[in-house]
Amino acid sequence: MKNLLNYSTIIKHLERKGWKRKNIKNPETVASHSWHMAILALYLSKDYEKEYDFNKVINLCLCHDLAESIIGDITPNDDLYKNKKEIEKEAMKKIKEECNFDKVYDLFIEYEEKNTKEAKLANDLDQIDMYRQSLDYENKHKDKDLSEFRNSALNKLLTPLGRKIIDSL
């Protein structure tokens, strides 16, 4: 457990780079982003429990960015972005082995492959969180235009439920 605590502690303090690039002071951390996705999944479970396995969705949300504890937050503006999937996979293999925790790797792969309805919803929650966070930062920083984040989120939605949620914002 000690190794997992070490990795998860890193992402508690790792600021999300996309917001930093836009000069947002004290941006959210990777862990706060993952937690927000998980709390959204928990909320949705009350109305959509028959359509999705929310235990799985919450677990996917909590694990999807754990590789960043090793590789950092790689954004589309970074040179490494073209190899991000392979770099993340290798980092997750390392976490799996050092933590003796196969499930965390399996959840990461499921999230990345997006072959299950739960992984698709977790992906949408990732996009919804970014969309909502951009609105929050624009509200706090009137001089910022963060529409690129919302446009990106809109283009990556995979489920009707994700679209419904975005439309309600």
C-alpha atoms as a PDB file:
ATOM      1  CA  MET A   1       0.000   0.000   0.000  1.00  0.00           C
ATOM      2  CA  LYS A   2       2.934   2.314   0.689  1.00  0.00           C
ATOM      3  CA  ASN A   3       3.807   2.543  -3.022  1.00  0.00           C
ATOM      4  CA  LEU A   4       0.227   3.318  -4.015  1.00  0.00           C
ATOM      5  CA  LEU A   5       0.063   6.020  -1.357  1.00  0.00           C
ATOM      6  CA  ASN A   6       3.257   7.512  -2.763  1.00  0.00           C
ATOM      7  CA  TYR A   7       1.871   7.619  -6.315  1.00  0.00           C
ATOM      8  CA  SER A   8      -1.526   8.953  -5.281  1.00  0.00           C
ATOM      9  CA  THR A   9       0.098  11.623  -3.103  1.00  0.00           C
ATOM     10  CA  ILE A  10       2.004  12.905  -6.123  1.00  0.00           C
ATOM     11  CA  ILE A  11      -1.193  13.544  -8.086  1.00  0.00           C
ATOM     12  CA  LYS A  12      -2.769  15.257  -5.074  1.00  0.00           C
ATOM     13  CA  HIS A  13      -0.265  18.046  -5.635  1.00  0.00           C
ATOM     14  CA  LEU A  14       0.273  17.855  -9.410  1.00  0.00           C
ATOM     15  CA  GLU A  15      -1.353  20.897 -10.988  1.00  0.00           C
ATOM     16  CA  ARG A  16      -3.114  20.409 -14.301  1.00  0.00           C
ATOM     17  CA  LYS A  17      -0.878  21.804 -16.986  1.00  0.00           C
ATOM     18  CA  GLY A  18      -3.532  23.032 -19.412  1.00  0.00           C
ATOM     19  CA  TRP A  19      -4.803  25.524 -16.851  1.00  0.00           C
ATOM     20  CA  LYS A  20      -1.275  26.579 -15.951  1.00  0.00           C
ATOM     21  CA  ARG A  21      -0.625  27.241 -19.648  1.00  0.00           C
ATOM     22  CA  LYS A  22      -3.529  29.700 -19.501  1.00  0.00           C
ATOM     23  CA  ASN A  23      -1.992  31.396 -16.451  1.00  0.00           C
ATOM     24  CA  ILE A  24      -4.641  30.226 -14.001  1.00  0.00           C
ATOM     25  CA  LYS A  25      -3.253  30.756 -10.518  1.00  0.00           C
ATOM     26  CA  ASN A  26      -3.565  27.720  -8.217  1.00  0.00           C
ATOM     27  CA  PRO A  27      -5.237  25.458 -10.785  1.00  0.00           C
ATOM     28  CA  GLU A  28      -6.921  22.217  -9.885  1.00  0.00           C
ATOM     29  CA  THR A  29      -4.739  19.180  -9.342  1.00  0.00           C
ATOM     30  CA  VAL A  30      -4.890  15.878 -11.181  1.00  0.00           C
ATOM     31  CA  ALA A  31      -6.353  14.197  -8.085  1.00  0.00           C
ATOM     32  CA  SER A  32      -9.008  16.867  -7.580  1.00  0.00           C
ATOM     33  CA  HIS A  33     -10.030  16.406 -11.210  1.00  0.00           C
ATOM     34  CA  SER A  34     -10.307  12.622 -10.760  1.00  0.00           C
ATOM     35  CA  TRP A  35     -12.243  13.053  -7.520  1.00  0.00           C
ATOM     36  CA  HIS A  36     -14.663  15.440  -9.217  1.00  0.00           C
ATOM     37  CA  MET A  37     -15.301  12.887 -11.958  1.00  0.00           C
ATOM     38  CA  ALA A  38     -15.929  10.201  -9.326  1.00  0.00           C
ATOM     39  CA  ILE A  39     -18.364  12.371  -7.365  1.00  0.00           C
ATOM     40  CA  LEU A  40     -20.269  13.109 -10.583  1.00  0.00           C
ATOM     41  CA  ALA A  41     -20.477   9.357 -11.225  1.00  0.00           C
ATOM     42  CA  LEU A  42     -21.728   8.778  -7.700  1.00  0.00           C
ATOM     43  CA  TYR A  43     -24.433  11.397  -8.231  1.00  0.00           C
ATOM     44  CA  LEU A  44     -25.498   9.876 -11.555  1.00  0.00           C
ATOM     45  CA  SER A  45     -25.779   6.456  -9.930  1.00  0.00           C
ATOM     46  CA  LYS A  46     -29.013   7.473  -8.224  1.00  0.00           C
ATOM     47  CA  ASP A  47     -30.823   7.935 -11.541  1.00  0.00           C
ATOM     48  CA  TYR A  48     -28.951   5.636 -13.926  1.00  0.00           C
ATOM     49  CA  GLU A  49     -28.028   2.641 -11.783  1.00  0.00           C
ATOM     50  CA  LYS A  50     -29.832   0.242 -14.129  1.00  0.00           C
ATOM     51  CA  GLU A  51     -27.896   1.408 -17.176  1.00  0.00           C
ATOM     52  CA  TYR A  52     -24.349   1.472 -15.787  1.00  0.00           C
ATOM     53  CA  ASP A  53     -22.174  -0.315 -13.239  1.00  0.00           C
ATOM     54  CA  PHE A  54     -21.266   2.772 -11.217  1.00  0.00           C
ATOM     55  CA  ASN A  55     -18.802   0.945  -9.017  1.00  0.00           C
ATOM     56  CA  LYS A  56     -16.840   0.402 -12.233  1.00  0.00           C
ATOM     57  CA  VAL A  57     -17.371   3.982 -13.460  1.00  0.00           C
ATOM     58  CA  ILE A  58     -16.128   5.433 -10.166  1.00  0.00           C
ATOM     59  CA  ASN A  59     -13.092   3.141 -10.189  1.00  0.00           C
ATOM     60  CA  LEU A  60     -12.299   4.146 -13.783  1.00  0.00           C
ATOM     61  CA  CYS A  61     -12.531   7.808 -12.821  1.00  0.00           C
ATOM     62  CA  LEU A  62     -10.207   7.375  -9.861  1.00  0.00           C
ATOM     63  CA  CYS A  63      -7.553   5.442 -11.822  1.00  0.00           C
ATOM     64  CA  HIS A  64      -7.577   7.056 -15.255  1.00  0.00           C
ATOM     65  CA  ASP A  65      -4.836   9.647 -14.561  1.00  0.00           C
ATOM     66  CA  LEU A  66      -2.692   7.765 -12.041  1.00  0.00           C
ATOM     67  CA  ALA A  67       0.093   7.372 -14.630  1.00  0.00           C
ATOM     68  CA  GLU A  68       0.637  11.117 -14.343  1.00  0.00           C
ATOM     69  CA  SER A  69       2.252  10.464 -10.969  1.00  0.00           C
ATOM     70  CA  ILE A  70       5.209   9.173 -12.987  1.00  0.00           C
ATOM     71  CA  ILE A  71       5.030  10.997 -16.328  1.00  0.00           C
ATOM     72  CA  GLY A  72       3.427  14.278 -15.315  1.00  0.00           C
ATOM     73  CA  ASP A  73       0.481  15.907 -17.042  1.00  0.00           C
ATOM     74  CA  ILE A  74       1.046  15.661 -20.790  1.00  0.00           C
ATOM     75  CA  THR A  75      -1.199  17.987 -22.808  1.00  0.00           C
ATOM     76  CA  PRO A  76      -1.841  18.235 -26.559  1.00  0.00           C
ATOM     77  CA  ASN A  77       0.589  21.183 -26.607  1.00  0.00           C
ATOM     78  CA  ASP A  78       3.505  18.988 -25.471  1.00  0.00           C
ATOM     79  CA  ASP A  79       5.943  17.257 -27.829  1.00  0.00           C
ATOM     80  CA  LEU A  80       5.451  13.988 -25.927  1.00  0.00           C
ATOM     81  CA  TYR A  81       1.722  14.018 -26.646  1.00  0.00           C
ATOM     82  CA  LYS A  82       2.123  11.943 -29.809  1.00  0.00           C
ATOM     83  CA  ASN A  83       3.501   9.098 -27.639  1.00  0.00           C
ATOM     84  CA  LYS A  84       1.300   9.747 -24.614  1.00  0.00           C
ATOM     85  CA  LYS A  85      -0.665   6.495 -24.792  1.00  0.00           C
ATOM     86  CA  GLU A  86       2.455   4.326 -24.842  1.00  0.00           C
ATOM     87  CA  ILE A  87       4.160   6.372 -22.111  1.00  0.00           C
ATOM     88  CA  GLU A  88       1.062   6.160 -19.888  1.00  0.00           C
ATOM     89  CA  LYS A  89       0.752   2.419 -20.469  1.00  0.00           C
ATOM     90  CA  GLU A  90       4.358   1.851 -19.404  1.00  0.00           C
ATOM     91  CA  ALA A  91       3.851   4.018 -16.310  1.00  0.00           C
ATOM     92  CA  MET A  92       0.738   2.055 -15.378  1.00  0.00           C
ATOM     93  CA  LYS A  93       2.628  -1.226 -15.808  1.00  0.00           C
ATOM     94  CA  LYS A  94       5.208   0.086 -13.367  1.00  0.00           C
ATOM     95  CA  ILE A  95       2.513   1.113 -10.866  1.00  0.00           C
ATOM     96  CA  LYS A  96       0.803  -2.262 -11.253  1.00  0.00           C
ATOM     97  CA  GLU A  97       4.034  -4.098 -10.540  1.00  0.00           C
ATOM     98  CA  GLU A  98       5.352  -1.902  -7.737  1.00  0.00           C
ATOM     99  CA  CYS A  99       1.974  -1.827  -5.997  1.00  0.00           C
ATOM    100  CA  ASN A 100       1.063  -5.452  -6.749  1.00  0.00           C
ATOM    101  CA  PHE A 101      -2.231  -4.090  -8.053  1.00  0.00           C
ATOM    102  CA  ASP A 102      -3.346  -5.605 -11.358  1.00  0.00           C
ATOM    103  CA  LYS A 103      -6.792  -4.033 -11.102  1.00  0.00           C
ATOM    104  CA  VAL A 104      -5.452  -0.492 -11.441  1.00  0.00           C
ATOM    105  CA  TYR A 105      -3.787  -1.414 -14.729  1.00  0.00           C
ATOM    106  CA  ASP A 106      -6.862  -3.246 -16.011  1.00  0.00           C
ATOM    107  CA  LEU A 107      -9.048  -0.222 -15.212  1.00  0.00           C
ATOM    108  CA  PHE A 108      -6.623   2.081 -16.998  1.00  0.00           C
ATOM    109  CA  ILE A 109      -6.672  -0.120 -20.121  1.00  0.00           C
ATOM    110  CA  GLU A 110     -10.467  -0.315 -20.063  1.00  0.00           C
ATOM    111  CA  TYR A 111     -10.663   3.477 -19.783  1.00  0.00           C
ATOM    112  CA  GLU A 112      -8.227   3.982 -22.647  1.00  0.00           C
ATOM    113  CA  GLU A 113      -9.854   1.459 -24.968  1.00  0.00           C
ATOM    114  CA  LYS A 114     -13.357   2.822 -24.323  1.00  0.00           C
ATOM    115  CA  ASN A 115     -14.933  -0.488 -25.334  1.00  0.00           C
ATOM    116  CA  THR A 116     -17.411  -0.619 -22.463  1.00  0.00           C
ATOM    117  CA  LYS A 117     -20.315   1.679 -21.723  1.00  0.00           C
ATOM    118  CA  GLU A 118     -18.764   2.396 -18.325  1.00  0.00           C
ATOM    119  CA  ALA A 119     -15.469   3.481 -19.899  1.00  0.00           C
ATOM    120  CA  LYS A 120     -17.356   5.681 -22.358  1.00  0.00           C
ATOM    121  CA  LEU A 121     -19.254   7.339 -19.510  1.00  0.00           C
ATOM    122  CA  ALA A 122     -16.048   7.813 -17.498  1.00  0.00           C
ATOM    123  CA  ASN A 123     -14.517   9.463 -20.567  1.00  0.00           C
ATOM    124  CA  ASP A 124     -17.530  11.761 -20.802  1.00  0.00           C
ATOM    125  CA  LEU A 125     -17.204  12.670 -17.126  1.00  0.00           C
ATOM    126  CA  ASP A 126     -13.583  13.590 -17.845  1.00  0.00           C
ATOM    127  CA  GLN A 127     -14.790  15.940 -20.585  1.00  0.00           C
ATOM    128  CA  ILE A 128     -17.668  17.301 -18.483  1.00  0.00           C
ATOM    129  CA  ASP A 129     -15.286  18.131 -15.648  1.00  0.00           C
ATOM    130  CA  MET A 130     -12.972  20.011 -18.024  1.00  0.00           C
ATOM    131  CA  TYR A 131     -15.935  21.824 -19.587  1.00  0.00           C
ATOM    132  CA  ARG A 132     -17.305  22.867 -16.209  1.00  0.00           C
ATOM    133  CA  GLN A 133     -13.879  23.816 -14.880  1.00  0.00           C
ATOM    134  CA  SER A 134     -13.344  26.143 -17.845  1.00  0.00           C
ATOM    135  CA  LEU A 135     -16.600  27.931 -17.009  1.00  0.00           C
ATOM    136  CA  ASP A 136     -15.546  28.251 -13.371  1.00  0.00           C
ATOM    137  CA  TYR A 137     -12.171  29.733 -14.293  1.00  0.00           C
ATOM    138  CA  GLU A 138     -13.719  32.144 -16.787  1.00  0.00           C
ATOM    139  CA  ASN A 139     -16.132  33.282 -14.096  1.00  0.00           C
ATOM    140  CA  LYS A 140     -13.231  33.916 -11.718  1.00  0.00           C
ATOM    141  CA  HIS A 141     -10.936  35.405 -14.383  1.00  0.00           C
ATOM    142  CA  LYS A 142     -13.045  37.642 -16.603  1.00  0.00           C
ATOM    143  CA  ASP A 143     -10.081  38.299 -18.917  1.00  0.00           C
ATOM    144  CA  LYS A 144      -9.707  34.604 -19.856  1.00  0.00           C
ATOM    145  CA  ASP A 145     -11.170  32.888 -22.888  1.00  0.00           C
ATOM    146  CA  LEU A 146     -11.130  29.152 -22.189  1.00  0.00           C
ATOM    147  CA  SER A 147     -13.547  28.149 -24.935  1.00  0.00           C
ATOM    148  CA  GLU A 148     -10.900  25.876 -26.495  1.00  0.00           C
ATOM    149  CA  PHE A 149     -11.351  23.527 -23.519  1.00  0.00           C
ATOM    150  CA  ARG A 150     -15.130  23.453 -23.975  1.00  0.00           C
ATOM    151  CA  ASN A 151     -14.810  22.884 -27.714  1.00  0.00           C
ATOM    152  CA  SER A 152     -12.399  20.026 -27.080  1.00  0.00           C
ATOM    153  CA  ALA A 153     -14.777  18.488 -24.554  1.00  0.00           C
ATOM    154  CA  LEU A 154     -17.751  18.740 -26.900  1.00  0.00           C
ATOM    155  CA  ASN A 155     -15.828  16.930 -29.640  1.00  0.00           C
ATOM    156  CA  LYS A 156     -14.880  14.013 -27.380  1.00  0.00           C
ATOM    157  CA  LEU A 157     -18.256  13.074 -25.876  1.00  0.00           C
ATOM    158  CA  LEU A 158     -19.237   9.435 -26.449  1.00  0.00           C
ATOM    159  CA  THR A 159     -22.625   8.952 -24.770  1.00  0.00           C
ATOM    160  CA  PRO A 160     -26.081  10.502 -24.997  1.00  0.00           C
ATOM    161  CA  LEU A 161     -25.965  10.967 -21.220  1.00  0.00           C
ATOM    162  CA  GLY A 162     -22.722  12.943 -21.483  1.00  0.00           C
ATOM    163  CA  ARG A 163     -24.273  15.150 -24.151  1.00  0.00           C
ATOM    164  CA  LYS A 164     -27.382  15.650 -22.007  1.00  0.00           C
ATOM    165  CA  ILE A 165     -25.250  16.765 -19.053  1.00  0.00           C
ATOM    166  CA  ILE A 166     -23.160  19.170 -21.140  1.00  0.00           C
ATOM    167  CA  ASP A 167     -26.333  20.632 -22.657  1.00  0.00           C
ATOM    168  CA  SER A 168     -27.643  21.317 -19.139  1.00  0.00           C
ATOM    169  CA  LEU A 169     -24.583  23.387 -18.247  1.00  0.00           C
END
